């Protein structure tokens, strides 16, 4: 008996089929990718980066329509200017933003992506370190919360050296100097919070400890 997918999973499955038909490489990033690595924020939309190669945006749009999507903004000039194609999965009303990758960092992220289960569908997802870089670059409060959650969940499993290297490369390309300090502050703050939580857990009496303490006090009274 085939598994029944959630609306999110159904939208991802149809998107996967559409992009496979075009032989387009892609990966999920944004909040859905953050969820894979430990963030707990609820979101209904999908953010995808894809490398079109020789496939034109018009051909991409045609394939998406065949697989149950419609364009939320049907304007070729908008796509050329922003490199974003906003779409909607008609059957489930799940929205998605398709970002057309340019040469450079997005190509690197694409090559380093790995396959994960999202909504019951196996899809390529940007790796945790690259999701952190993208979230720091976005810089909104909710993005920084996602970074803190990923750091807390992944801990020593993160390649901190690689994150620093990628952030330094981004800073050089954009003429910024605030990304690396932001990362170090967030990492230190998350580590401090985790230590406090561990200490609090150790100090908190268990039900067995409380019962033993009560029994000891009763014995002393008698």
N, C-alpha and C. Protein backbone atom coordinates (compact mmCIF):
# COMPACT_ATOMS: atom_id res chain seq x y z
N UNK A 1 0.84 -1.20 0.00
CA UNK A 1 0.00 0.00 0.00
C UNK A 1 0.88 1.25 0.00
N UNK A 2 0.73 2.13 -0.98
CA UNK A 2 1.59 3.33 -1.05
C UNK A 2 1.37 4.25 0.14
N UNK A 3 2.48 4.86 0.59
CA UNK A 3 2.39 5.76 1.73
C UNK A 3 1.71 7.07 1.33
N UNK A 4 0.84 7.57 2.19
CA UNK A 4 0.15 8.82 1.94
C UNK A 4 1.05 9.96 2.43
N UNK A 5 1.38 10.88 1.53
CA UNK A 5 2.27 11.98 1.87
C UNK A 5 1.48 13.16 2.43
N UNK A 6 2.13 13.93 3.28
CA UNK A 6 1.56 15.18 3.77
C UNK A 6 1.51 16.17 2.60
N UNK A 7 0.77 17.26 2.72
CA UNK A 7 0.77 18.27 1.65
C UNK A 7 2.19 18.73 1.30
N UNK A 8 3.01 18.94 2.32
CA UNK A 8 4.39 19.36 2.07
C UNK A 8 5.16 18.28 1.30
N UNK A 9 4.99 17.02 1.74
CA UNK A 9 5.67 15.92 1.06
C UNK A 9 5.20 15.75 -0.38
N UNK A 10 3.90 15.92 -0.61
CA UNK A 10 3.35 15.79 -1.96
C UNK A 10 3.91 16.87 -2.88
N UNK A 11 4.03 18.09 -2.35
CA UNK A 11 4.59 19.19 -3.16
C UNK A 11 6.05 18.91 -3.50
N UNK A 12 6.80 18.42 -2.51
CA UNK A 12 8.21 18.10 -2.75
C UNK A 12 8.35 16.96 -3.77
N UNK A 13 7.49 15.97 -3.68
CA UNK A 13 7.55 14.84 -4.62
C UNK A 13 7.32 15.31 -6.05
N UNK A 14 6.34 16.17 -6.25
CA UNK A 14 6.06 16.68 -7.60
C UNK A 14 7.19 17.59 -8.10
N UNK A 15 7.76 18.37 -7.19
CA UNK A 15 8.89 19.23 -7.57
C UNK A 15 10.09 18.37 -7.96
N UNK A 16 10.33 17.32 -7.21
CA UNK A 16 11.43 16.40 -7.51
C UNK A 16 11.27 15.79 -8.89
N UNK A 17 10.04 15.38 -9.22
CA UNK A 17 9.78 14.78 -10.54
C UNK A 17 9.99 15.79 -11.66
N UNK A 18 9.52 17.01 -11.44
CA UNK A 18 9.66 18.05 -12.48
C UNK A 18 11.13 18.35 -12.77
N UNK A 19 11.93 18.46 -11.71
CA UNK A 19 13.35 18.80 -11.89
C UNK A 19 14.14 17.61 -12.43
N UNK A 20 13.71 16.39 -12.04
CA UNK A 20 14.37 15.20 -12.58
C UNK A 20 14.14 15.08 -14.09
N UNK A 21 12.93 15.45 -14.53
CA UNK A 21 12.62 15.39 -15.96
C UNK A 21 13.52 16.32 -16.77
N UNK A 22 13.94 17.41 -16.14
CA UNK A 22 14.82 18.38 -16.81
C UNK A 22 16.30 18.09 -16.56
N UNK A 23 16.57 17.12 -15.70
CA UNK A 23 17.94 16.79 -15.29
C UNK A 23 18.65 18.01 -14.70
N UNK A 24 17.92 18.69 -13.82
CA UNK A 24 18.43 19.89 -13.16
C UNK A 24 18.90 19.53 -11.76
N UNK A 25 20.11 19.97 -11.41
CA UNK A 25 20.63 19.77 -10.05
C UNK A 25 20.03 20.82 -9.12
N UNK A 26 19.74 20.42 -7.86
CA UNK A 26 19.08 21.34 -6.94
C UNK A 26 19.30 20.91 -5.51
N UNK A 27 18.97 21.80 -4.58
CA UNK A 27 19.00 21.44 -3.16
C UNK A 27 18.03 22.34 -2.39
N UNK A 28 17.54 21.81 -1.27
CA UNK A 28 16.67 22.56 -0.37
C UNK A 28 17.54 23.33 0.61
N UNK A 29 17.19 24.59 0.87
CA UNK A 29 17.88 25.37 1.89
C UNK A 29 16.81 26.05 2.75
N UNK A 30 17.19 27.07 3.51
CA UNK A 30 16.21 27.82 4.28
C UNK A 30 15.71 27.06 5.51
N UNK A 31 14.50 27.39 5.93
CA UNK A 31 13.95 26.86 7.18
C UNK A 31 13.78 25.34 7.14
N UNK A 32 13.37 24.80 5.99
CA UNK A 32 13.20 23.35 5.90
C UNK A 32 14.52 22.62 6.08
N UNK A 33 15.61 23.18 5.53
CA UNK A 33 16.92 22.58 5.74
C UNK A 33 17.34 22.70 7.19
N UNK A 34 17.05 23.84 7.81
CA UNK A 34 17.39 24.04 9.22
C UNK A 34 16.69 23.02 10.11
N UNK A 35 15.45 22.66 9.75
CA UNK A 35 14.71 21.65 10.51
C UNK A 35 15.44 20.30 10.51
N UNK A 36 16.06 19.97 9.39
CA UNK A 36 16.80 18.70 9.29
C UNK A 36 17.92 18.64 10.32
N UNK A 37 18.52 19.80 10.61
CA UNK A 37 19.70 19.83 11.46
C UNK A 37 19.45 20.30 12.89
N UNK A 38 18.17 20.40 13.29
CA UNK A 38 17.91 20.66 14.69
C UNK A 38 17.06 21.86 15.03
N UNK A 39 16.76 22.73 14.06
CA UNK A 39 15.89 23.87 14.33
C UNK A 39 14.46 23.38 14.52
N UNK A 40 13.66 24.16 15.23
CA UNK A 40 12.30 23.71 15.54
C UNK A 40 11.24 24.67 15.05
N UNK A 41 11.60 25.55 14.14
CA UNK A 41 10.64 26.55 13.66
C UNK A 41 9.66 25.93 12.66
N UNK A 42 8.39 26.28 12.80
CA UNK A 42 7.35 25.76 11.90
C UNK A 42 7.26 26.66 10.67
N UNK A 43 7.32 26.04 9.51
CA UNK A 43 7.20 26.81 8.26
C UNK A 43 6.53 25.94 7.21
N UNK A 44 5.78 26.56 6.32
CA UNK A 44 5.02 25.80 5.32
C UNK A 44 5.62 25.93 3.92
N UNK A 45 6.55 26.85 3.73
CA UNK A 45 7.07 27.07 2.38
C UNK A 45 8.38 26.31 2.17
N UNK A 46 8.82 26.29 0.91
CA UNK A 46 10.03 25.57 0.52
C UNK A 46 10.96 26.53 -0.23
N UNK A 47 12.24 26.51 0.17
CA UNK A 47 13.25 27.30 -0.54
C UNK A 47 14.20 26.34 -1.24
N UNK A 48 14.36 26.53 -2.54
CA UNK A 48 15.18 25.62 -3.35
C UNK A 48 16.13 26.43 -4.22
N UNK A 49 17.38 25.98 -4.29
CA UNK A 49 18.33 26.54 -5.25
C UNK A 49 18.56 25.49 -6.33
N UNK A 50 18.55 25.93 -7.58
CA UNK A 50 18.77 24.98 -8.68
C UNK A 50 19.73 25.57 -9.72
N UNK A 51 20.42 24.65 -10.38
CA UNK A 51 21.35 25.04 -11.43
C UNK A 51 20.74 24.65 -12.77
N UNK A 52 20.34 25.65 -13.53
CA UNK A 52 19.60 25.39 -14.77
C UNK A 52 20.48 24.86 -15.90
N UNK A 53 21.72 25.27 -15.94
CA UNK A 53 22.56 24.86 -17.07
C UNK A 53 22.00 25.41 -18.36
N UNK A 54 21.68 24.54 -19.30
CA UNK A 54 21.15 24.97 -20.59
C UNK A 54 19.62 25.08 -20.60
N UNK A 55 19.00 24.73 -19.47
CA UNK A 55 17.54 24.82 -19.38
C UNK A 55 17.14 26.28 -19.18
N UNK A 56 16.23 26.78 -19.99
CA UNK A 56 15.77 28.16 -19.87
C UNK A 56 14.70 28.28 -18.78
N UNK A 57 14.54 29.46 -18.19
CA UNK A 57 13.45 29.66 -17.22
C UNK A 57 12.09 29.33 -17.80
N UNK A 58 11.89 29.61 -19.09
CA UNK A 58 10.60 29.32 -19.74
C UNK A 58 10.35 27.82 -19.78
N UNK A 59 11.38 27.05 -20.11
CA UNK A 59 11.25 25.59 -20.14
C UNK A 59 11.00 25.05 -18.73
N UNK A 60 11.67 25.64 -17.75
CA UNK A 60 11.46 25.25 -16.36
C UNK A 60 10.00 25.49 -15.97
N UNK A 61 9.49 26.66 -16.31
CA UNK A 61 8.10 27.00 -15.97
C UNK A 61 7.12 26.02 -16.60
N UNK A 62 7.37 25.63 -17.84
CA UNK A 62 6.49 24.68 -18.53
C UNK A 62 6.49 23.32 -17.83
N UNK A 63 7.67 22.85 -17.42
CA UNK A 63 7.77 21.57 -16.73
C UNK A 63 7.07 21.62 -15.38
N UNK A 64 7.19 22.73 -14.69
CA UNK A 64 6.54 22.88 -13.38
C UNK A 64 5.02 22.84 -13.52
N UNK A 65 4.51 23.51 -14.55
CA UNK A 65 3.05 23.51 -14.77
C UNK A 65 2.54 22.11 -15.06
N UNK A 66 3.33 21.31 -15.78
CA UNK A 66 2.95 19.93 -16.09
C UNK A 66 2.86 19.07 -14.82
N UNK A 67 3.62 19.46 -13.82
CA UNK A 67 3.67 18.66 -12.59
C UNK A 67 2.87 19.29 -11.45
N UNK A 68 1.91 20.15 -11.81
CA UNK A 68 0.96 20.61 -10.81
C UNK A 68 1.29 21.92 -10.11
N UNK A 69 2.18 22.70 -10.69
CA UNK A 69 2.52 24.00 -10.10
C UNK A 69 2.02 25.13 -10.99
N UNK A 70 1.83 26.29 -10.36
CA UNK A 70 1.56 27.50 -11.13
C UNK A 70 2.52 28.58 -10.67
N UNK A 71 2.77 29.54 -11.54
CA UNK A 71 3.68 30.63 -11.21
C UNK A 71 2.96 31.66 -10.34
N UNK A 72 3.54 32.01 -9.21
CA UNK A 72 2.94 33.06 -8.39
C UNK A 72 3.21 34.44 -8.98
N UNK A 73 4.31 34.58 -9.71
CA UNK A 73 4.62 35.81 -10.44
C UNK A 73 5.00 35.41 -11.86
N UNK A 74 4.12 35.64 -12.78
CA UNK A 74 4.36 35.24 -14.17
C UNK A 74 4.95 36.41 -14.94
N UNK A 75 6.24 36.68 -14.66
CA UNK A 75 6.90 37.85 -15.25
C UNK A 75 8.36 37.50 -15.51
N UNK A 76 8.73 37.23 -16.78
CA UNK A 76 10.11 36.87 -17.11
C UNK A 76 11.12 37.93 -16.66
N UNK A 77 10.73 39.20 -16.69
CA UNK A 77 11.65 40.27 -16.27
C UNK A 77 11.96 40.15 -14.78
N UNK A 78 10.95 39.78 -14.00
CA UNK A 78 11.15 39.60 -12.55
C UNK A 78 12.16 38.48 -12.30
N UNK A 79 12.02 37.38 -13.03
CA UNK A 79 12.93 36.24 -12.87
C UNK A 79 14.35 36.63 -13.27
N UNK A 80 14.50 37.36 -14.37
CA UNK A 80 15.83 37.78 -14.81
C UNK A 80 16.49 38.71 -13.79
N UNK A 81 15.71 39.59 -13.21
CA UNK A 81 16.25 40.58 -12.28
C UNK A 81 16.58 39.98 -10.92
N UNK A 82 15.69 39.15 -10.41
CA UNK A 82 15.85 38.62 -9.04
C UNK A 82 16.47 37.23 -8.99
N UNK A 83 16.44 36.51 -10.12
CA UNK A 83 16.88 35.12 -10.19
C UNK A 83 16.04 34.23 -9.27
N UNK A 84 14.80 34.63 -9.04
CA UNK A 84 13.88 33.85 -8.20
C UNK A 84 12.60 33.59 -8.98
N UNK A 85 12.14 32.33 -8.92
CA UNK A 85 10.88 31.95 -9.56
C UNK A 85 9.93 31.47 -8.46
N UNK A 86 8.98 32.33 -8.02
CA UNK A 86 8.02 31.93 -6.99
C UNK A 86 6.91 31.07 -7.60
N UNK A 87 6.65 29.91 -6.99
CA UNK A 87 5.64 29.00 -7.52
C UNK A 87 4.70 28.53 -6.40
N UNK A 88 3.61 27.88 -6.81
CA UNK A 88 2.66 27.33 -5.85
C UNK A 88 2.23 25.96 -6.32
N UNK A 89 2.26 24.98 -5.42
CA UNK A 89 1.75 23.65 -5.73
C UNK A 89 0.23 23.71 -5.61
N UNK A 90 -0.45 23.58 -6.72
CA UNK A 90 -1.89 23.85 -6.78
C UNK A 90 -2.69 22.93 -5.88
N UNK A 91 -2.39 21.64 -5.89
CA UNK A 91 -3.19 20.66 -5.14
C UNK A 91 -3.10 20.86 -3.63
N UNK A 92 -1.94 21.32 -3.14
CA UNK A 92 -1.73 21.42 -1.69
C UNK A 92 -1.61 22.86 -1.19
N UNK A 93 -1.49 23.82 -2.12
CA UNK A 93 -1.29 25.25 -1.79
C UNK A 93 0.03 25.50 -1.06
N UNK A 94 0.99 24.61 -1.23
CA UNK A 94 2.31 24.81 -0.64
C UNK A 94 3.13 25.72 -1.56
N UNK A 95 3.62 26.87 -1.04
CA UNK A 95 4.42 27.77 -1.86
C UNK A 95 5.90 27.38 -1.86
N UNK A 96 6.59 27.77 -2.91
CA UNK A 96 8.03 27.52 -3.00
C UNK A 96 8.69 28.66 -3.76
N UNK A 97 9.92 28.96 -3.36
CA UNK A 97 10.74 29.93 -4.09
C UNK A 97 11.92 29.18 -4.69
N UNK A 98 12.02 29.21 -6.01
CA UNK A 98 13.14 28.56 -6.70
C UNK A 98 14.18 29.62 -7.05
N UNK A 99 15.36 29.48 -6.47
CA UNK A 99 16.46 30.42 -6.70
C UNK A 99 17.38 29.84 -7.77
N UNK A 100 17.58 30.59 -8.84
CA UNK A 100 18.46 30.14 -9.92
C UNK A 100 19.90 30.44 -9.54
N UNK A 101 20.70 29.39 -9.39
CA UNK A 101 22.08 29.54 -8.91
C UNK A 101 22.95 30.26 -9.92
N UNK A 102 23.82 31.11 -9.40
CA UNK A 102 24.85 31.73 -10.22
C UNK A 102 26.17 31.02 -9.97
N UNK A 103 27.21 31.36 -10.71
CA UNK A 103 28.51 30.73 -10.49
C UNK A 103 29.10 31.17 -9.15
N UNK A 104 29.85 30.28 -8.52
CA UNK A 104 30.50 30.66 -7.26
C UNK A 104 29.99 29.86 -6.09
N UNK A 105 29.61 30.57 -5.03
CA UNK A 105 29.26 29.95 -3.76
C UNK A 105 28.09 28.98 -3.88
N UNK A 106 27.06 29.34 -4.63
CA UNK A 106 25.90 28.46 -4.75
C UNK A 106 26.27 27.15 -5.44
N UNK A 107 27.22 27.21 -6.37
CA UNK A 107 27.71 25.98 -6.99
C UNK A 107 28.41 25.10 -5.96
N UNK A 108 29.17 25.73 -5.07
CA UNK A 108 29.87 24.99 -4.02
C UNK A 108 28.87 24.32 -3.09
N UNK A 109 27.85 25.08 -2.68
CA UNK A 109 26.82 24.52 -1.81
C UNK A 109 26.12 23.34 -2.48
N UNK A 110 25.90 23.47 -3.78
CA UNK A 110 25.22 22.42 -4.53
C UNK A 110 26.04 21.13 -4.52
N UNK A 111 27.34 21.25 -4.74
CA UNK A 111 28.21 20.08 -4.78
C UNK A 111 28.31 19.41 -3.41
N UNK A 112 28.15 20.19 -2.34
CA UNK A 112 28.32 19.65 -0.99
C UNK A 112 27.00 19.18 -0.37
N UNK A 113 25.89 19.34 -1.07
CA UNK A 113 24.59 18.94 -0.52
C UNK A 113 24.51 17.41 -0.40
N UNK A 114 23.61 16.95 0.46
CA UNK A 114 23.42 15.52 0.65
C UNK A 114 21.93 15.22 0.76
N UNK A 115 21.58 13.96 0.55
CA UNK A 115 20.16 13.57 0.49
C UNK A 115 19.62 13.27 1.89
N UNK A 116 18.44 13.83 2.18
CA UNK A 116 17.76 13.61 3.46
C UNK A 116 16.28 13.37 3.19
N UNK A 117 15.60 12.86 4.21
CA UNK A 117 14.15 12.66 4.12
C UNK A 117 13.44 13.92 4.59
N UNK A 118 12.61 14.49 3.75
CA UNK A 118 11.79 15.64 4.11
C UNK A 118 10.34 15.32 3.75
N UNK A 119 9.49 15.24 4.75
CA UNK A 119 8.08 14.95 4.48
C UNK A 119 7.85 13.63 3.81
N UNK A 120 8.75 12.66 4.03
CA UNK A 120 8.61 11.36 3.42
C UNK A 120 9.20 11.24 2.02
N UNK A 121 9.94 12.27 1.58
CA UNK A 121 10.54 12.28 0.25
C UNK A 121 12.05 12.51 0.39
N UNK A 122 12.83 11.70 -0.31
CA UNK A 122 14.29 11.84 -0.28
C UNK A 122 14.71 12.94 -1.25
N UNK A 123 15.28 14.00 -0.72
CA UNK A 123 15.66 15.16 -1.55
C UNK A 123 17.04 15.68 -1.14
N UNK A 124 17.75 16.35 -2.04
CA UNK A 124 19.04 16.94 -1.69
C UNK A 124 18.84 18.17 -0.80
N UNK A 125 19.63 18.25 0.27
CA UNK A 125 19.54 19.35 1.23
C UNK A 125 20.94 19.94 1.43
N UNK A 126 21.02 21.25 1.50
CA UNK A 126 22.30 21.89 1.79
C UNK A 126 22.83 21.38 3.12
N UNK A 127 24.13 21.17 3.25
CA UNK A 127 24.66 20.63 4.50
C UNK A 127 24.57 21.65 5.62
N UNK A 128 24.68 21.18 6.85
CA UNK A 128 24.45 22.02 8.02
C UNK A 128 25.34 23.26 8.04
N UNK A 129 26.63 23.08 7.73
CA UNK A 129 27.57 24.20 7.76
C UNK A 129 27.18 25.28 6.76
N UNK A 130 26.70 24.86 5.60
CA UNK A 130 26.32 25.84 4.57
C UNK A 130 24.99 26.52 4.90
N UNK A 131 24.09 25.78 5.56
CA UNK A 131 22.85 26.40 6.03
C UNK A 131 23.17 27.49 7.04
N UNK A 132 24.13 27.23 7.92
CA UNK A 132 24.55 28.24 8.90
C UNK A 132 25.06 29.48 8.21
N UNK A 133 25.90 29.31 7.20
CA UNK A 133 26.46 30.46 6.46
C UNK A 133 25.32 31.27 5.82
N UNK A 134 24.38 30.58 5.19
CA UNK A 134 23.26 31.28 4.53
C UNK A 134 22.39 32.01 5.54
N UNK A 135 22.17 31.39 6.70
CA UNK A 135 21.36 32.01 7.74
C UNK A 135 22.06 33.25 8.32
N UNK A 136 23.34 33.16 8.54
CA UNK A 136 24.10 34.32 9.03
C UNK A 136 24.07 35.45 8.01
N UNK A 137 24.14 35.11 6.76
CA UNK A 137 24.10 36.10 5.69
C UNK A 137 22.74 36.78 5.63
N UNK A 138 21.66 36.02 5.85
CA UNK A 138 20.31 36.60 5.87
C UNK A 138 20.15 37.52 7.07
N UNK A 139 20.60 37.06 8.24
CA UNK A 139 20.73 37.92 9.41
C UNK A 139 19.47 38.33 10.14
N UNK A 140 18.31 37.77 9.77
CA UNK A 140 17.08 38.10 10.50
C UNK A 140 17.08 37.38 11.85
N UNK A 141 16.27 37.85 12.77
CA UNK A 141 16.23 37.24 14.10
C UNK A 141 15.92 35.75 14.01
N UNK A 142 14.94 35.40 13.17
CA UNK A 142 14.56 33.99 13.07
C UNK A 142 15.68 33.16 12.44
N UNK A 143 16.48 33.76 11.55
CA UNK A 143 17.61 33.05 10.97
C UNK A 143 18.69 32.80 12.02
N UNK A 144 18.95 33.79 12.86
CA UNK A 144 19.95 33.63 13.91
C UNK A 144 19.48 32.62 14.96
N UNK A 145 18.17 32.58 15.21
CA UNK A 145 17.62 31.55 16.11
C UNK A 145 17.85 30.16 15.52
N UNK A 146 17.69 30.04 14.20
CA UNK A 146 17.94 28.75 13.54
C UNK A 146 19.41 28.34 13.68
N UNK A 147 20.31 29.31 13.52
CA UNK A 147 21.74 29.02 13.67
C UNK A 147 22.03 28.50 15.07
N UNK A 148 21.50 29.18 16.08
CA UNK A 148 21.71 28.76 17.47
C UNK A 148 21.17 27.35 17.70
N UNK A 149 20.02 27.04 17.12
CA UNK A 149 19.43 25.71 17.29
C UNK A 149 20.28 24.63 16.62
N UNK A 150 20.80 24.92 15.44
CA UNK A 150 21.65 23.95 14.75
C UNK A 150 22.94 23.72 15.52
N UNK A 151 23.54 24.79 16.03
CA UNK A 151 24.78 24.66 16.80
C UNK A 151 24.52 23.82 18.06
N UNK A 152 23.41 24.08 18.73
CA UNK A 152 23.08 23.34 19.95
C UNK A 152 22.84 21.86 19.65
N UNK A 153 22.20 21.58 18.51
CA UNK A 153 21.85 20.19 18.17
C UNK A 153 23.04 19.41 17.61
N UNK A 154 23.87 20.08 16.81
CA UNK A 154 24.96 19.36 16.13
C UNK A 154 26.25 19.34 16.94
N UNK A 155 26.47 20.40 17.73
CA UNK A 155 27.63 20.45 18.62
C UNK A 155 28.95 20.21 17.91
N UNK A 156 29.71 19.24 18.43
CA UNK A 156 31.05 18.96 17.90
C UNK A 156 31.00 18.36 16.50
N UNK A 157 29.81 17.98 16.04
CA UNK A 157 29.70 17.42 14.70
C UNK A 157 29.84 18.44 13.59
N UNK A 158 29.80 19.73 13.93
CA UNK A 158 29.94 20.78 12.92
C UNK A 158 31.41 21.00 12.57
N UNK A 159 31.66 21.29 11.31
CA UNK A 159 33.02 21.63 10.86
C UNK A 159 33.19 23.15 11.01
N UNK A 160 33.62 23.57 12.21
CA UNK A 160 33.73 24.99 12.53
C UNK A 160 34.77 25.68 11.64
N UNK A 161 35.85 25.00 11.37
CA UNK A 161 36.90 25.58 10.52
C UNK A 161 36.36 25.89 9.13
N UNK A 162 35.56 24.99 8.59
CA UNK A 162 34.99 25.21 7.26
C UNK A 162 34.00 26.37 7.26
N UNK A 163 33.21 26.49 8.33
CA UNK A 163 32.27 27.62 8.44
C UNK A 163 33.04 28.93 8.42
N UNK A 164 34.13 28.99 9.19
CA UNK A 164 34.94 30.21 9.23
C UNK A 164 35.54 30.53 7.86
N UNK A 165 36.02 29.49 7.17
CA UNK A 165 36.62 29.69 5.85
C UNK A 165 35.59 30.23 4.86
N UNK A 166 34.39 29.64 4.87
CA UNK A 166 33.34 30.08 3.95
C UNK A 166 32.88 31.49 4.26
N UNK A 167 32.73 31.80 5.56
CA UNK A 167 32.32 33.16 5.95
C UNK A 167 33.36 34.18 5.54
N UNK A 168 34.64 33.85 5.70
CA UNK A 168 35.71 34.77 5.29
C UNK A 168 35.66 35.03 3.79
N UNK A 169 35.35 33.97 3.02
CA UNK A 169 35.23 34.11 1.57
C UNK A 169 34.05 35.01 1.21
N UNK A 170 32.92 34.83 1.91
CA UNK A 170 31.74 35.66 1.66
C UNK A 170 32.02 37.11 2.02
N UNK A 171 32.66 37.34 3.16
CA UNK A 171 33.00 38.70 3.57
C UNK A 171 33.88 39.38 2.53
N UNK A 172 34.85 38.63 2.00
CA UNK A 172 35.74 39.21 0.99
C UNK A 172 34.99 39.56 -0.28
N UNK A 173 34.04 38.71 -0.67
CA UNK A 173 33.29 38.94 -1.91
C UNK A 173 32.32 40.11 -1.77
N UNK A 174 31.77 40.29 -0.57
CA UNK A 174 30.75 41.33 -0.35
C UNK A 174 31.32 42.61 0.27
N UNK A 175 32.59 42.58 0.65
CA UNK A 175 33.17 43.76 1.30
C UNK A 175 32.64 43.97 2.69
N UNK A 176 32.27 42.88 3.38
CA UNK A 176 31.75 42.96 4.74
C UNK A 176 32.79 42.45 5.73
N UNK A 177 32.60 42.80 7.01
CA UNK A 177 33.50 42.30 8.05
C UNK A 177 32.74 41.92 9.31
N UNK A 178 31.43 41.71 9.17
CA UNK A 178 30.60 41.47 10.34
C UNK A 178 30.13 40.03 10.50
N UNK A 179 30.33 39.18 9.49
CA UNK A 179 29.79 37.82 9.55
C UNK A 179 30.56 36.91 10.50
N UNK A 180 31.89 36.95 10.41
CA UNK A 180 32.70 36.12 11.31
C UNK A 180 32.50 36.49 12.78
N UNK A 181 32.54 37.78 13.15
CA UNK A 181 32.26 38.14 14.55
C UNK A 181 30.87 37.71 15.01
N UNK A 182 29.88 37.82 14.12
CA UNK A 182 28.52 37.40 14.46
C UNK A 182 28.49 35.90 14.74
N UNK A 183 29.16 35.12 13.92
CA UNK A 183 29.22 33.67 14.10
C UNK A 183 29.87 33.31 15.44
N UNK A 184 30.99 33.97 15.75
CA UNK A 184 31.69 33.65 17.00
C UNK A 184 30.85 34.01 18.22
N UNK A 185 30.14 35.13 18.15
CA UNK A 185 29.27 35.52 19.27
C UNK A 185 28.14 34.52 19.47
N UNK A 186 27.51 34.14 18.37
CA UNK A 186 26.41 33.18 18.46
C UNK A 186 26.88 31.83 18.97
N UNK A 187 28.03 31.40 18.50
CA UNK A 187 28.57 30.10 18.92
C UNK A 187 28.90 30.11 20.41
N UNK A 188 29.53 31.19 20.87
CA UNK A 188 29.89 31.30 22.28
C UNK A 188 28.63 31.38 23.16
N UNK A 189 27.66 32.16 22.70
CA UNK A 189 26.42 32.31 23.47
C UNK A 189 25.67 30.98 23.58
N UNK A 190 25.64 30.22 22.49
CA UNK A 190 24.96 28.92 22.49
C UNK A 190 25.69 27.93 23.39
N UNK A 191 27.02 27.95 23.36
CA UNK A 191 27.80 27.06 24.21
C UNK A 191 27.56 27.36 25.68
N UNK A 192 27.52 28.65 26.02
CA UNK A 192 27.28 29.06 27.41
C UNK A 192 25.90 28.61 27.87
N UNK A 193 24.90 28.78 27.01
CA UNK A 193 23.53 28.38 27.35
C UNK A 193 23.44 26.87 27.55
N UNK A 194 24.14 26.10 26.71
CA UNK A 194 24.12 24.64 26.83
C UNK A 194 24.75 24.18 28.14
N UNK A 195 25.84 24.84 28.53
CA UNK A 195 26.50 24.48 29.79
C UNK A 195 25.58 24.75 30.98
N UNK A 196 24.89 25.88 30.94
CA UNK A 196 23.97 26.22 32.03
C UNK A 196 22.83 25.20 32.12
N UNK A 197 22.33 24.78 30.97
CA UNK A 197 21.24 23.81 30.95
C UNK A 197 21.70 22.47 31.51
N UNK A 198 22.93 22.06 31.19
CA UNK A 198 23.47 20.80 31.71
C UNK A 198 23.64 20.86 33.22
N UNK A 199 24.16 22.00 33.71
CA UNK A 199 24.34 22.17 35.15
C UNK A 199 23.00 22.15 35.87
N UNK A 200 22.01 22.80 35.27
CA UNK A 200 20.68 22.85 35.85
C UNK A 200 20.07 21.45 35.92
N UNK A 201 20.31 20.65 34.87
CA UNK A 201 19.79 19.28 34.84
C UNK A 201 20.44 18.42 35.91
N UNK A 202 21.76 18.62 36.10
CA UNK A 202 22.47 17.84 37.12
C UNK A 202 21.99 18.18 38.53
N UNK A 203 21.71 19.47 38.76
CA UNK A 203 21.33 19.92 40.10
C UNK A 203 19.89 19.58 40.44
N UNK A 204 19.04 19.48 39.43
CA UNK A 204 17.62 19.22 39.67
C UNK A 204 17.44 17.84 40.27
N UNK A 205 16.78 17.71 41.42
CA UNK A 205 16.61 16.40 42.06
C UNK A 205 15.64 15.52 41.29
N UNK A 206 15.99 14.26 41.16
CA UNK A 206 15.10 13.30 40.52
C UNK A 206 14.06 12.83 41.52
N UNK A 207 13.02 12.14 41.03
CA UNK A 207 11.98 11.64 41.94
C UNK A 207 12.57 10.65 42.94
N UNK A 208 13.56 9.85 42.50
CA UNK A 208 14.19 8.89 43.40
C UNK A 208 14.99 9.60 44.48
N UNK A 209 15.70 10.66 44.08
CA UNK A 209 16.49 11.43 45.05
C UNK A 209 15.58 12.09 46.08
N UNK A 210 14.47 12.66 45.60
CA UNK A 210 13.54 13.31 46.53
C UNK A 210 12.94 12.31 47.50
N UNK A 211 12.59 11.13 47.02
CA UNK A 211 12.00 10.10 47.88
C UNK A 211 13.01 9.64 48.93
N UNK A 212 14.27 9.47 48.50
CA UNK A 212 15.32 9.04 49.42
C UNK A 212 15.57 10.08 50.50
N UNK A 213 15.55 11.36 50.10
CA UNK A 213 15.76 12.45 51.05
C UNK A 213 14.62 12.51 52.08
N UNK A 214 13.40 12.30 51.61
CA UNK A 214 12.24 12.31 52.51
C UNK A 214 12.33 11.17 53.52
N UNK A 215 12.74 9.99 53.03
CA UNK A 215 12.86 8.82 53.90
C UNK A 215 13.93 9.04 54.97
N UNK A 216 15.04 9.69 54.56
CA UNK A 216 16.13 9.97 55.50
C UNK A 216 15.68 10.90 56.60
N UNK A 217 14.93 11.95 56.22
CA UNK A 217 14.42 12.91 57.21
C UNK A 217 13.48 12.24 58.21
N UNK A 218 12.63 11.32 57.71
CA UNK A 218 11.68 10.61 58.58
C UNK A 218 12.42 9.73 59.58
N UNK A 219 13.48 9.08 59.16
CA UNK A 219 14.25 8.21 60.03
C UNK A 219 14.91 9.02 61.17
N UNK A 220 15.40 10.21 60.78
CA UNK A 220 16.04 11.07 61.78
C UNK A 220 15.07 11.51 62.85
N UNK A 221 13.84 11.75 62.44
CA UNK A 221 12.83 12.19 63.40
C UNK A 221 12.45 11.10 64.39
N UNK A 222 12.51 9.85 63.89
CA UNK A 222 12.15 8.73 64.77
C UNK A 222 13.36 8.26 65.56
